[in-house]
C-alpha cells in the first residue's frame, strides 16, 4: 500500500501543473469507488463527463486494494467520489493525500449528519458505512454530486440539475414501491439473516431485525462459535430463510444452513442479495434502483 501511495504522489508531482480550469470542449474526468456511487454519477453526469468506476459487480469495498492500473485513473481525475466512513478502508490514505486545487476527493458519507448514523466499533469512523440502504441518504449523495459537478463544470450545470430532478423522482417512486411491498410481510417475519451486517440502515427504516454472521466488516471471519450461535437464534425464532450476498463468499451461509438443518430445523437460502456492490452492468440489478427493488422482492418472497 505504501508503495502505491508513493507511486501516486510521484505521478501527482509531474501532473500537478495541470490547469485548474478545463477547456470548454473538455469533459470532467470522474473516478468513483463503489458501483452505487458510480450509478449516481452516471445518472447525473450522463454524457457530459468521463466516468470510471474502480469497483465493479461483486467487488467487496472493505477488502479492495488499489492496483497499479488504478494510478492513472486517480492521477487524471478531476473529481474522485467515494463513500467514506472508512468503507474503503485500504484506499482512505490514498485519497487523503490526493487533495489539491486540481484534484478533489469527495467523501460523500462525511457530509451526513453523524447524529443520525448507526454507530459501529468495527470502523475507524465509528459509524456503519453502509448508508446507501437509507434512500434518504442516497438522495443527499445525489444532491452533493450534482452540486460538485455544477461547480466544476458551470457550462453544464443546468443539465446536471435537470438530471438530478429526474433521478430524485425515480428514488421517490422507489421508496413508495418498497414500502408497499414490505407491508405485505408480517412484522414478526421481518428477521433478515445475511453474511454480514450490511443491512442495518435498511432494517432501521423498514422494521427488520438484522443479523449478520460476520458483523459489519467482511474483514472479520466468522468462526464455528459464531455459526452455532446464529443457528440457535434461527431455530429459536423460527426463521424460514437466510441470504447469501453477492460480494461475500457463500460458504459461511452454507455452513450456517447446514448447522441449522443438523439440529432438525428447516431453513433455506432465500436467494442472493446485493449488499456492497450492484449487479452486472446492463442488468436491472446493475442500477441502484433495480438493486434495491430486487433485494426487497427477494427478501419478502422468501420470508413470507
Foldseek 3Di string as FASTA:
>chain_A
DVVLLVVLVVLCVVVVVDDQADDLPDAAQEEEEFLQLQQLCCLLCPPRHHYDYPDAFLAQLLPDDDDPVCSVSQSRHQEYEYQDQCSNVNCVVSQVVPDDSRYYYHRLNVPDDPVPFDADPVTPSRGQSLPVLQLVSVLSSSVVSLVVSCVNNVVCSVSSVVSSVVVVVLSVVLVVVLQVLLVVADLLLQEAEEQEPLCPNNCVVRNHHYHHLQYRHPVGDHDPVSLLVVLVVCVVSVHAEYEYESNHDCVSVVSSQVNNVVVVHHHYHLYYAYGRHFHHPPDLSSHSSSRSVVRSVSSRVRRD
